[in-house]
Protein backbone atom coordinates (compact mmCIF):
# COMPACT_ATOMS: atom_id res chain seq x y z
CA MET A 1 108.87 145.38 108.03
CA ARG A 2 110.50 143.50 105.15
CA VAL A 3 108.50 140.37 106.01
CA LEU A 4 105.27 142.37 106.16
CA LEU A 5 105.94 143.97 102.78
CA CYS A 6 106.61 140.58 101.20
CA VAL A 7 103.42 139.15 102.65
CA LEU A 8 101.40 142.13 101.45
CA ALA A 9 102.97 141.90 98.00
CA ALA A 10 102.13 138.22 97.75
CA ALA A 11 98.56 138.82 98.84
CA GLY A 12 98.27 141.65 96.34
CA LEU A 13 99.55 139.51 93.48
CA LEU A 14 97.03 136.79 94.27
CA ALA A 15 94.14 139.22 94.63
CA GLN A 16 94.90 141.25 91.49
CA THR A 17 95.28 138.28 89.16
CA ALA A 18 92.60 135.95 90.50
CA PRO A 19 89.83 135.23 87.95
CA PRO A 20 86.34 136.31 88.93
CA GLY A 21 84.02 133.67 90.31
CA PRO A 22 83.34 131.73 93.52
CA LYS A 23 86.22 131.77 95.98
CA VAL A 24 87.61 128.86 97.97
CA GLN A 25 87.68 129.95 101.60
CA GLU A 26 90.58 129.19 103.93
CA ALA A 27 88.54 128.86 107.13
CA PRO A 28 86.53 125.78 106.13
CA LEU A 29 89.55 124.26 104.40
CA ARG A 30 91.62 124.57 107.58
CA ALA A 31 88.83 123.19 109.74
CA HIS A 32 88.37 120.14 107.49
CA LEU A 33 92.13 119.58 107.37
CA ALA A 34 92.52 119.73 111.14
CA PHE A 35 89.71 117.25 111.68
CA LEU A 36 90.66 114.78 108.96
CA ALA A 37 94.25 114.67 110.23
CA ASP A 38 93.26 114.34 113.88
CA ASP A 39 94.22 111.27 115.92
CA LEU A 40 90.49 110.61 116.36
CA LEU A 41 90.40 109.26 112.78
CA GLU A 42 93.43 107.05 113.48
CA GLY A 43 95.11 107.82 110.17
CA ARG A 44 92.07 106.90 108.03
CA GLY A 45 93.45 103.40 107.50
CA THR A 46 91.72 101.12 105.00
CA GLY A 47 89.64 98.55 106.88
CA GLN A 48 90.22 100.25 110.24
CA SER A 49 87.76 102.02 112.50
CA GLY A 50 88.99 105.44 111.41
CA ALA A 51 87.86 104.66 107.86
CA GLU A 52 84.19 104.54 108.82
CA LEU A 53 84.50 107.79 110.78
CA THR A 54 86.10 109.41 107.74
CA VAL A 55 83.39 108.25 105.36
CA ARG A 56 80.71 109.38 107.77
CA TYR A 57 82.31 112.81 108.06
CA LEU A 58 82.66 113.26 104.29
CA GLU A 59 79.10 112.25 103.47
CA THR A 60 77.75 114.44 106.28
CA GLN A 61 79.68 117.44 104.98
CA LEU A 62 78.41 116.89 101.44
CA GLN A 63 74.87 116.70 102.79
CA VAL A 64 75.34 119.90 104.83
CA LEU A 65 76.63 121.69 101.73
CA GLY A 66 73.56 120.62 99.78
CA LEU A 67 75.21 118.38 97.18
CA LYS A 68 73.08 115.63 95.70
CA PRO A 69 73.93 112.00 96.52
CA ALA A 70 75.82 110.52 93.55
CA ASN A 71 74.60 106.97 94.04
CA GLY A 72 70.81 107.17 94.06
CA THR A 73 69.93 108.24 97.59
CA SER A 74 73.41 107.51 98.96
CA TYR A 75 76.69 109.38 98.95
CA ARG A 76 78.51 106.04 99.24
CA GLN A 77 79.75 103.70 96.54
CA PRO A 78 80.65 100.29 98.02
CA VAL A 79 84.09 98.90 97.17
CA SER A 80 84.73 95.27 98.15
CA LEU A 81 88.33 94.56 99.13
CA LEU A 82 90.34 91.56 100.25
CA GLY A 83 92.41 92.24 103.35
CA LEU A 84 95.65 90.23 103.50
CA LYS A 85 97.99 90.39 106.48
CA THR A 86 101.17 88.43 107.13
CA LEU A 87 101.32 86.93 110.61
CA GLU A 88 104.89 87.89 111.30
CA GLY A 89 105.62 85.53 114.19
CA GLN A 90 104.31 82.54 112.26
CA SER A 91 105.88 83.31 108.86
CA THR A 92 109.51 82.64 107.98
CA LEU A 93 111.42 82.46 104.72
CA SER A 94 114.90 80.95 104.45
CA PHE A 95 117.30 80.81 101.52
CA MET A 96 119.25 77.56 101.27
CA GLY A 97 122.31 77.14 99.08
CA GLY A 98 126.01 77.70 98.76
CA GLY A 99 126.55 75.76 101.92
CA ALA A 100 124.60 78.31 103.96
CA CYS A 101 121.11 79.11 105.18
CA ALA A 102 120.00 82.77 105.35
CA THR A 103 116.86 83.67 107.28
CA PRO A 104 116.32 87.42 106.90
CA LYS A 105 114.45 89.41 109.51
CA PHE A 106 110.93 90.48 108.56
CA GLY A 107 110.62 94.27 108.38
CA THR A 108 114.37 94.85 108.65
CA ASP A 109 115.67 92.93 105.63
CA ILE A 110 112.56 91.64 103.91
CA VAL A 111 108.81 92.20 103.77
CA PHE A 112 106.41 89.78 102.14
CA GLY A 113 102.82 88.70 101.92
CA SER A 114 100.44 86.76 99.76
CA GLY A 115 98.89 87.87 96.51
CA VAL A 116 96.18 85.24 96.78
CA ALA A 117 93.42 84.67 99.30
CA LYS A 118 95.04 81.83 101.22
CA ALA A 119 95.64 81.83 104.97
CA GLY A 120 98.51 79.32 104.89
CA GLN A 121 101.16 78.44 102.31
CA THR A 122 104.50 76.66 102.22
CA PHE A 123 107.30 77.24 99.74
CA ASP A 124 110.09 75.09 98.42
CA ALA A 125 111.09 76.85 95.24
CA PRO A 126 114.22 77.69 93.24
CA LEU A 127 115.21 81.38 93.08
CA LEU A 128 115.88 83.00 89.70
CA PHE A 129 117.07 86.49 88.78
CA VAL A 130 114.82 87.85 86.02
CA GLY A 131 116.34 91.30 85.48
CA PHE A 132 113.68 94.02 85.46
CA GLY A 133 110.88 91.46 85.01
CA ILE A 134 109.62 93.24 81.88
CA ASP A 135 107.65 91.62 79.07
CA ALA A 136 107.00 94.36 76.49
CA PRO A 137 106.50 93.02 72.95
CA GLU A 138 106.12 96.50 71.42
CA GLN A 139 109.56 97.36 72.78
CA ALA A 140 111.00 94.03 71.64
CA TRP A 141 111.94 93.45 75.27
CA ASP A 142 111.40 90.18 77.12
CA ASP A 143 113.22 89.42 80.36
CA TYR A 144 111.48 86.03 80.60
CA LYS A 145 112.72 84.60 77.26
CA GLY A 146 110.38 81.62 77.33
CA LEU A 147 111.06 80.85 80.98
CA ASP A 148 108.64 78.43 82.60
CA ALA A 149 108.14 80.44 85.81
CA ARG A 150 105.73 77.98 87.40
CA GLY A 151 106.90 76.93 90.86
CA LYS A 152 109.73 79.46 90.86
CA VAL A 153 110.39 82.62 92.91
CA LEU A 154 111.73 85.55 90.90
CA LEU A 155 114.19 88.19 92.10
CA ILE A 156 113.45 91.37 90.12
CA LEU A 157 114.94 94.85 89.92
CA VAL A 158 112.73 97.91 90.44
CA ASN A 159 112.47 100.46 87.61
CA GLU A 160 113.53 99.68 84.01
CA PRO A 161 116.57 99.69 81.71
CA ALA A 162 118.07 103.12 81.10
CA PRO A 163 117.83 104.80 77.68
CA THR A 164 120.96 104.61 75.56
CA ALA A 165 122.57 106.89 72.99
CA LYS A 166 121.21 104.60 70.27
CA GLU A 167 117.78 104.39 71.86
CA PRO A 168 117.13 107.62 73.80
CA GLY A 169 113.39 106.87 73.71
CA LEU A 170 113.67 103.35 75.12
CA PHE A 171 110.44 102.69 77.00
CA ASP A 172 109.58 106.35 77.73
CA GLY A 173 113.08 107.76 77.61
CA PRO A 174 113.96 109.67 80.77
CA ASN A 175 110.45 109.12 82.16
CA LEU A 176 109.56 105.93 83.98
CA SER A 177 107.06 103.95 81.93
CA LEU A 178 104.30 101.75 83.30
CA TYR A 179 106.59 98.75 82.77
CA GLY A 180 108.91 100.12 85.45
CA ARG A 181 106.24 100.29 88.15
CA TRP A 182 106.58 97.66 90.83
CA THR A 183 102.88 96.86 90.65
CA THR A 184 103.27 95.99 86.96
CA LYS A 185 106.11 93.60 87.79
CA PHE A 186 103.86 91.69 90.18
CA GLU A 187 101.13 91.51 87.53
CA VAL A 188 103.47 90.28 84.79
CA ALA A 189 104.98 87.63 87.06
CA ALA A 190 101.49 86.40 87.96
CA ARG A 191 100.61 86.09 84.26
CA HIS A 192 103.74 83.96 83.82
CA GLY A 193 102.61 81.70 86.64
CA ALA A 194 105.44 82.47 89.08
CA ALA A 195 105.19 81.19 92.65
CA GLY A 196 106.56 84.45 93.98
CA VAL A 197 108.29 87.77 93.36
CA LEU A 198 110.85 89.57 95.51
CA LEU A 199 111.67 93.10 94.40
CA VAL A 200 115.11 94.58 95.07
CA HIS A 201 114.71 97.93 96.82
CA THR A 202 117.01 100.87 96.36
CA THR A 203 116.05 104.39 97.33
CA PRO A 204 116.92 105.90 93.90
CA SER A 205 115.02 103.27 91.91
CA ALA A 206 111.94 103.23 94.16
CA SER A 207 112.10 107.00 94.86
CA TYR A 208 111.58 106.41 98.60
CA ASP A 209 113.58 104.76 101.35
CA TRP A 210 113.06 101.35 102.93
CA SER A 211 110.92 102.73 105.76
CA VAL A 212 108.17 103.60 103.25
CA VAL A 213 108.13 100.02 101.97
CA ARG A 214 108.23 98.65 105.49
CA ASN A 215 105.39 100.84 106.75
CA SER A 216 103.16 99.65 103.92
CA TRP A 217 103.96 95.94 104.14
CA VAL A 218 104.11 95.20 107.86
CA ASN A 219 100.43 96.13 108.09
CA GLU A 220 97.40 94.66 106.36
CA ARG A 221 97.43 95.05 102.59
CA PHE A 222 94.44 95.13 100.28
CA ALA A 223 93.34 94.15 96.80
CA LEU A 224 90.10 94.45 94.89
CA ALA A 225 87.93 91.44 95.70
CA LYS A 226 86.97 91.19 92.01
CA GLY A 227 90.51 91.82 90.79
CA PRO A 228 92.95 89.28 89.34
CA ALA A 229 94.98 87.19 91.79
CA GLY A 230 98.65 87.92 92.26
CA THR A 231 101.49 85.49 92.88
CA PRO A 232 101.30 83.35 96.04
CA LEU A 233 104.33 85.22 97.43
CA GLN A 234 105.00 88.92 96.94
CA GLY A 235 107.54 91.09 98.68
CA TRP A 236 110.61 93.30 98.76
CA VAL A 237 114.18 92.81 99.93
CA THR A 238 116.76 95.43 100.81
CA GLU A 239 119.66 95.91 98.45
CA ASP A 240 122.06 94.60 101.09
CA LEU A 241 120.08 91.38 101.43
CA ALA A 242 119.78 91.01 97.65
CA ARG A 243 123.52 91.43 97.28
CA ALA A 244 124.18 88.82 99.96
CA LEU A 245 121.68 86.35 98.50
CA VAL A 246 123.02 86.70 94.98
CA ARG A 247 126.55 86.18 96.29
CA GLN A 248 125.35 83.13 98.24
CA GLY A 249 123.82 81.88 94.99
CA GLY A 250 127.15 82.13 93.16
CA GLN A 251 126.60 85.42 91.31
CA ASP A 252 127.40 89.13 91.62
CA LEU A 253 124.53 91.62 91.82
CA ASP A 254 126.32 94.42 89.97
CA ALA A 255 127.22 92.07 87.11
CA LEU A 256 123.63 90.88 86.91
CA ARG A 257 122.37 94.48 86.90
CA ALA A 258 124.65 95.25 83.96
CA ARG A 259 123.39 92.22 82.03
CA ALA A 260 119.78 93.22 82.75
CA GLN A 261 120.31 96.45 80.80
CA ARG A 262 120.53 94.48 77.55
CA ARG A 263 117.83 93.04 75.31
CA ASP A 264 119.67 89.73 75.11
CA PHE A 265 119.45 89.24 78.88
CA GLN A 266 118.54 85.70 79.89
CA PRO A 267 117.05 84.67 83.25
CA VAL A 268 119.76 83.51 85.66
CA ALA A 269 119.20 80.55 87.98
CA LEU A 270 120.72 81.19 91.39
CA ASP A 271 122.06 78.30 93.44
CA LEU A 272 119.39 78.99 96.04
CA THR A 273 116.15 77.44 97.19
CA LEU A 274 113.58 79.46 99.08
CA LYS A 275 111.91 77.44 101.81
CA GLY A 276 109.43 78.63 104.35
CA THR A 277 105.93 79.18 105.55
CA LEU A 278 103.61 82.12 105.07
CA ARG A 279 100.75 82.35 107.54
CA GLY A 280 98.27 85.14 107.12
CA SER A 281 94.81 86.40 107.81
CA VAL A 282 92.33 86.85 104.98
CA ARG A 283 89.09 88.82 105.16
CA THR A 284 86.65 90.62 102.93
CA VAL A 285 86.31 94.30 103.76
CA ALA A 286 83.62 96.74 102.67
CA GLN A 287 85.02 100.20 102.01
CA PHE A 288 83.42 103.17 100.29
CA ASN A 289 84.05 105.91 97.79
CA VAL A 290 82.09 109.03 98.75
CA ALA A 291 80.59 111.30 96.11
CA GLY A 292 78.23 114.25 95.84
CA VAL A 293 77.04 116.14 92.77
CA VAL A 294 76.29 119.75 91.96
CA PRO A 295 73.83 119.44 89.03
CA GLY A 296 74.59 121.37 85.87
CA SER A 297 72.57 124.41 84.90
CA ASP A 298 72.52 123.97 81.10
CA PRO A 299 69.72 121.69 79.80
CA LEU A 300 71.98 120.54 76.94
CA LEU A 301 75.12 119.92 79.00
CA LYS A 302 73.97 118.97 82.49
CA ASP A 303 74.09 115.26 81.65
CA GLU A 304 77.86 115.65 81.17
CA LEU A 305 80.16 115.62 84.17
CA LEU A 306 83.38 117.07 85.53
CA ILE A 307 84.95 115.16 88.43
CA TYR A 308 87.14 116.59 91.18
CA SER A 309 88.80 113.74 93.08
CA ALA A 310 90.98 113.12 96.13
CA HIS A 311 91.74 109.98 98.12
CA TRP A 312 90.61 109.95 101.75
CA ASP A 313 92.69 107.02 103.01
CA HIS A 314 96.14 106.91 104.53
CA LEU A 315 98.10 104.20 106.39
CA GLY A 316 96.03 104.24 109.57
CA ARG A 317 97.26 102.82 112.83
CA GLY A 318 100.30 100.60 112.52
CA ALA A 319 103.58 99.60 114.07
CA ALA A 320 105.60 102.32 115.76
CA PRO A 321 108.66 103.37 113.75
CA ALA A 322 112.13 102.45 114.94
CA VAL A 323 112.74 106.03 116.05
CA ASP A 324 109.82 107.25 118.11
CA ALA A 325 110.85 110.79 118.98
CA HIS A 326 108.12 113.05 117.59
CA PRO A 327 108.41 116.79 116.89
CA ILE A 328 104.81 117.44 117.98
CA HIS A 329 104.11 114.79 120.60
CA GLY A 330 107.66 114.65 121.98
CA ALA A 331 109.15 111.44 123.29
CA GLY A 332 107.21 108.21 123.21
CA PRO A 333 105.83 105.93 120.51
CA ASP A 334 103.35 107.15 117.94
CA THR A 335 101.47 104.50 115.98
CA ILE A 336 99.10 106.76 114.02
CA TYR A 337 100.02 107.64 110.45
CA ASN A 338 97.82 110.75 110.24
CA GLY A 339 98.48 111.66 106.61
CA ALA A 340 97.84 115.38 107.06
CA VAL A 341 99.42 116.35 103.76
CA ASP A 342 98.81 112.93 102.17
CA ASN A 343 95.89 113.33 101.73
CA ALA A 344 93.77 115.11 104.32
CA SER A 345 94.86 118.22 102.44
CA GLY A 346 93.25 117.11 99.17
CA CYS A 347 90.00 116.10 100.88
CA ALA A 348 89.82 119.37 102.81
CA ALA A 349 90.36 121.28 99.57
CA LEU A 350 87.60 119.35 97.78
CA LEU A 351 85.12 120.10 100.55
CA ALA A 352 86.01 123.80 100.43
CA MET A 353 85.70 123.74 96.64
CA ALA A 354 82.31 122.01 96.88
CA GLN A 355 81.12 124.84 99.10
CA ALA A 356 82.11 127.33 96.41
CA ALA A 357 80.59 125.27 93.59
CA ARG A 358 77.27 124.84 95.37
CA HIS A 359 76.56 128.57 95.20
CA THR A 360 77.34 128.95 91.48
CA PRO A 361 76.55 125.84 89.42
CA ALA A 362 78.32 125.38 86.08
CA LYS A 363 76.76 124.29 82.79
CA ARG A 364 77.97 120.73 83.24
CA SER A 365 77.36 118.78 86.41
CA GLN A 366 80.23 118.53 88.88
CA MET A 367 81.06 115.55 91.07
CA PHE A 368 83.20 115.77 94.20
CA LEU A 369 84.63 112.26 94.55
CA PHE A 370 86.55 111.00 97.58
CA VAL A 371 88.05 107.62 96.75
CA CYS A 372 89.21 104.91 99.11
CA ALA A 373 92.33 102.73 99.20
CA GLU A 374 94.61 104.85 97.02
CA GLU A 375 97.55 103.90 99.20
CA GLN A 376 96.80 100.25 98.41
CA GLY A 377 97.22 100.73 94.66
CA LEU A 378 94.57 103.22 93.47
CA LEU A 379 91.90 100.66 94.36
CA GLY A 380 89.04 103.08 94.98
CA SER A 381 89.47 104.91 91.68
CA LYS A 382 89.95 101.61 89.84
CA ALA A 383 86.68 100.40 91.33
CA TYR A 384 84.95 103.64 90.32
CA VAL A 385 85.95 103.47 86.65
CA ALA A 386 85.03 99.76 86.55
CA ASP A 387 81.51 100.56 87.78
CA PRO A 388 81.06 104.34 87.43
CA LEU A 389 78.29 106.32 89.07
CA TRP A 390 78.09 108.47 85.92
CA SER A 391 78.71 107.34 82.37
CA LEU A 392 82.40 107.64 81.51
CA ALA A 393 81.35 108.48 77.96
CA LYS A 394 79.73 111.61 79.39
CA THR A 395 82.57 112.43 81.81
CA ALA A 396 84.53 115.37 80.48
CA ALA A 397 87.58 115.19 82.77
CA ASP A 398 88.92 114.37 86.20
CA LEU A 399 90.97 116.89 88.20
CA ASN A 400 92.73 115.20 91.09
CA LEU A 401 94.30 116.66 94.23
CA ASP A 402 96.88 114.76 96.27
CA SER A 403 99.28 116.21 98.87
CA LEU A 404 98.79 119.96 98.63
CA ASN A 405 101.11 122.88 99.26
CA PHE A 406 101.26 123.56 103.03
CA VAL A 407 104.23 125.95 102.88
CA ALA A 408 103.31 129.31 101.30
CA PRO A 409 101.74 130.87 98.18
CA THR A 410 103.79 130.59 95.00
CA ARG A 411 104.42 132.33 91.70
CA ASP A 412 103.79 129.09 89.82
CA ILE A 413 101.41 126.15 89.67
CA GLY A 414 102.03 122.53 88.76
CA LEU A 415 100.46 120.89 85.71
CA PRO A 416 102.50 117.67 85.57
CA PHE A 417 101.90 115.60 82.45
CA GLY A 418 99.50 118.27 81.19
CA SER A 419 100.90 117.87 77.67
CA ARG A 420 99.16 114.49 77.39
CA SER A 421 95.76 116.16 76.91
CA THR A 422 94.31 119.57 76.15
CA LEU A 423 93.82 120.02 79.90
CA GLY A 424 97.43 121.19 79.96
CA GLU A 425 96.79 123.94 77.42
CA LEU A 426 93.68 125.05 79.27
CA GLY A 427 95.60 125.07 82.55
CA ALA A 428 98.45 127.06 81.05
CA SER A 429 96.02 129.70 79.76
CA LEU A 430 94.39 129.91 83.18
CA ALA A 431 97.76 130.22 84.87
CA LYS A 432 98.68 133.14 82.61
CA ALA A 433 95.35 134.84 83.27
CA SER A 434 95.90 134.32 87.00
CA GLY A 435 99.39 135.83 86.96
CA LEU A 436 101.03 132.45 87.55
CA LYS A 437 103.67 130.48 85.71
CA VAL A 438 103.40 126.80 84.96
CA ALA A 439 105.99 125.12 87.16
CA ALA A 440 108.91 123.62 85.31
CA SER A 441 108.93 119.84 85.35
CA GLY A 442 111.86 117.52 84.79
CA PRO A 443 111.86 113.86 83.78
CA ASP A 444 109.36 111.70 85.64
CA THR A 445 111.93 109.23 86.91
CA ALA A 446 109.72 108.15 89.84
CA GLY A 447 106.67 107.31 87.75
CA GLY A 448 104.51 109.94 89.40
CA TYR A 449 102.10 109.81 86.47
CA PHE A 450 101.00 106.33 87.52
CA ARG A 451 100.86 106.93 91.27
CA SER A 452 97.75 109.08 91.71
CA ASP A 453 94.08 108.46 91.11
CA HIS A 454 93.92 110.51 87.92
CA PHE A 455 95.67 107.60 86.19
CA SER A 456 92.71 105.28 86.72
CA PHE A 457 90.60 107.74 84.72
CA VAL A 458 93.27 108.05 82.03
CA GLN A 459 93.29 104.27 81.63
CA ALA A 460 89.51 104.38 81.29
CA GLY A 461 89.71 106.98 78.51
CA VAL A 462 88.88 110.11 80.50
CA PRO A 463 91.30 113.09 80.25
CA ALA A 464 92.69 113.68 83.73
CA LEU A 465 95.54 115.23 85.65
CA SER A 466 96.62 115.89 89.21
CA VAL A 467 97.11 119.60 89.80
CA GLY A 468 100.37 120.20 91.64
CA GLY A 469 101.59 122.99 93.85
CA GLY A 470 104.26 125.41 92.75
CA SER A 471 107.82 125.72 94.02
CA GLU A 472 108.67 129.42 93.66
CA TYR A 473 107.50 130.47 97.11
CA LEU A 474 106.50 134.04 97.91
CA GLY A 475 108.01 135.21 101.16
CA ALA A 476 110.92 137.00 102.81
CA ASP A 477 113.14 133.89 102.68
CA PRO A 478 112.28 131.71 99.67
CA ALA A 479 115.24 129.42 100.35
CA ALA A 480 113.92 128.62 103.83
CA LEU A 481 110.49 127.92 102.37
CA GLN A 482 112.03 125.63 99.76
CA ALA A 483 113.85 123.78 102.53
CA ARG A 484 110.60 123.40 104.50
CA ALA A 485 108.91 121.87 101.45
CA ALA A 486 111.86 119.56 100.76
CA ALA A 487 111.85 118.38 104.36
CA TYR A 488 108.43 116.85 103.83
CA GLY A 489 110.18 113.97 102.08
CA ARG A 490 111.29 112.76 105.51
CA ARG A 491 107.67 112.77 106.72
CA TYR A 492 106.16 111.04 103.68
CA HIS A 493 104.32 107.91 104.89
CA GLN A 494 105.66 108.47 108.39
CA VAL A 495 103.89 109.15 111.69
CA THR A 496 105.23 112.70 111.49
CA ASP A 497 102.89 113.69 108.63
CA GLU A 498 100.80 115.65 111.15
CA TYR A 499 98.73 118.82 110.87
CA ASP A 500 100.41 121.90 112.28
CA PRO A 501 98.05 124.78 113.18
CA THR A 502 100.82 127.28 112.38
CA TRP A 503 100.87 126.30 108.69
CA ASP A 504 100.39 129.11 106.19
CA LEU A 505 97.55 127.70 104.11
CA ARG A 506 97.43 130.45 101.49
CA GLY A 507 99.36 128.19 99.12
CA MET A 508 96.90 125.36 99.71
CA VAL A 509 93.98 127.71 99.05
CA GLN A 510 95.76 128.95 95.93
CA GLN A 511 96.17 125.40 94.63
CA ALA A 512 92.55 124.54 95.43
CA GLN A 513 91.31 127.77 93.83
CA PHE A 514 93.31 127.12 90.66
CA THR A 515 91.94 123.58 90.43
CA PHE A 516 88.41 124.85 90.98
CA ASP A 517 88.83 127.61 88.36
CA LEU A 518 90.21 125.07 85.89
CA GLY A 519 87.24 122.86 86.61
CA GLN A 520 84.88 125.75 85.99
CA LEU A 521 86.47 126.33 82.58
CA VAL A 522 85.98 122.67 81.69
CA ALA A 523 82.45 122.57 83.09
CA ASN A 524 81.39 125.67 81.15
CA ALA A 525 83.26 125.15 77.86
CA ALA A 526 81.48 124.37 74.61
CA THR A 527 83.84 121.47 73.90
CA ARG A 528 85.39 118.83 76.14
CA PRO A 529 89.09 118.16 76.77
CA ALA A 530 90.75 115.56 74.57
CA PHE A 531 93.85 113.40 74.65
CA LYS A 532 96.82 114.27 72.46
CA ALA A 533 98.52 111.76 70.24
CA ALA A 534 101.71 110.35 71.75
CA LYS A 535 104.86 111.77 70.17
């Protein structure tokens, strides 16, 4: 009886406080989620057969719902990618020096690939420790200090120097800045002409364990075909391997870490030479963003646009994990990374929201945009803003959904980084009107702001945010619900991110409804959202 009363109370709270307007329905959302996360789509991997099935499904659903094609007569926007895959059995790197030769095991100790479109490369290069690999003139911080990096392989720490009592706002204070992102480190090293980069992984600094890195790098990786080239060698090493290599090179990793926290850090040459061969496959791959439009109803505003976005890709079919026991399939290997939460949930929500939007158009036009290759570095959204289907100058905002709440309805809703534009204020007002709180947010130590597709729009000058789920779960045992949500961390980028038909999707519907209602406010407002000045 207590459980029933709690469920009824939660349902009553949601019903009494929900703003009037079109409603996102659970039935279509669940059906889309179940299909998009099914083994049939093989994890929606970029460049894999499941990708084409996914695109075909999304464009068919937009057509069934009556949305207009966003790209002339097509729902597809082509995105040309380079596919780069390390041929593991033919690629070996060894570290010579200190009277020893270390040849780490690919996948276990080290992962690596090429940042350039070359099928075969050899390396014979000195190894240098370059701290955090940051070159930030406005912060008066340069870890390169005039280093000629050409022909050298750089060992670099993930993250960035910690704020100090004298400089509590160093970089972005407690929040990870863009300089701390591992992708930025590769880009900076390439600009300095380095032959290669090896990042030192730790779970706290990366915000995920080694298996997440491994699962991404043992399979084919992708880059924009029109994008800048990276370094010839790119990769990660475990902390244990980094410690051993630095010791072999005559240094101590902890001492080097401490020196890297200072502005006067100088690159450190290790007594090591990296020698080896990298053999890989290179191909050009055509992928697609998928987009449909609900035209605006106001003659004066319909040429302006609100975008709802979600990425449709996940990791696809890959190598079986080391532990192959599966809570759904039972014993036996599973090689499909289904990505039910990440991000079949966001795509399912967008389709359900499009169904609601189709019946009640807003003053501004609304685009439902499903982007490709997010897991490869936000490539689909980067390609969109580089060649948009609708003028960015007339794009009011982007509201992004990624990895939705599959646990239970909540008393709060997430508006992470909302303070960076007036979208946060608008969202807070909507939350209050809906009987919700804005979820508390701590420091962004993992750089979440840069890890979802909204950031591509921010970089292009369009106010954007990813709407998050809440954490104050409504139910008879909130602690158990919290534990269920926290346990997802062990399924992130694993084969166990599977759809479960017993999921309570009221929280997912709640998150989708809030995002849709926020979009309706933006699409019907007299003025558009704007960025706020940085403090």
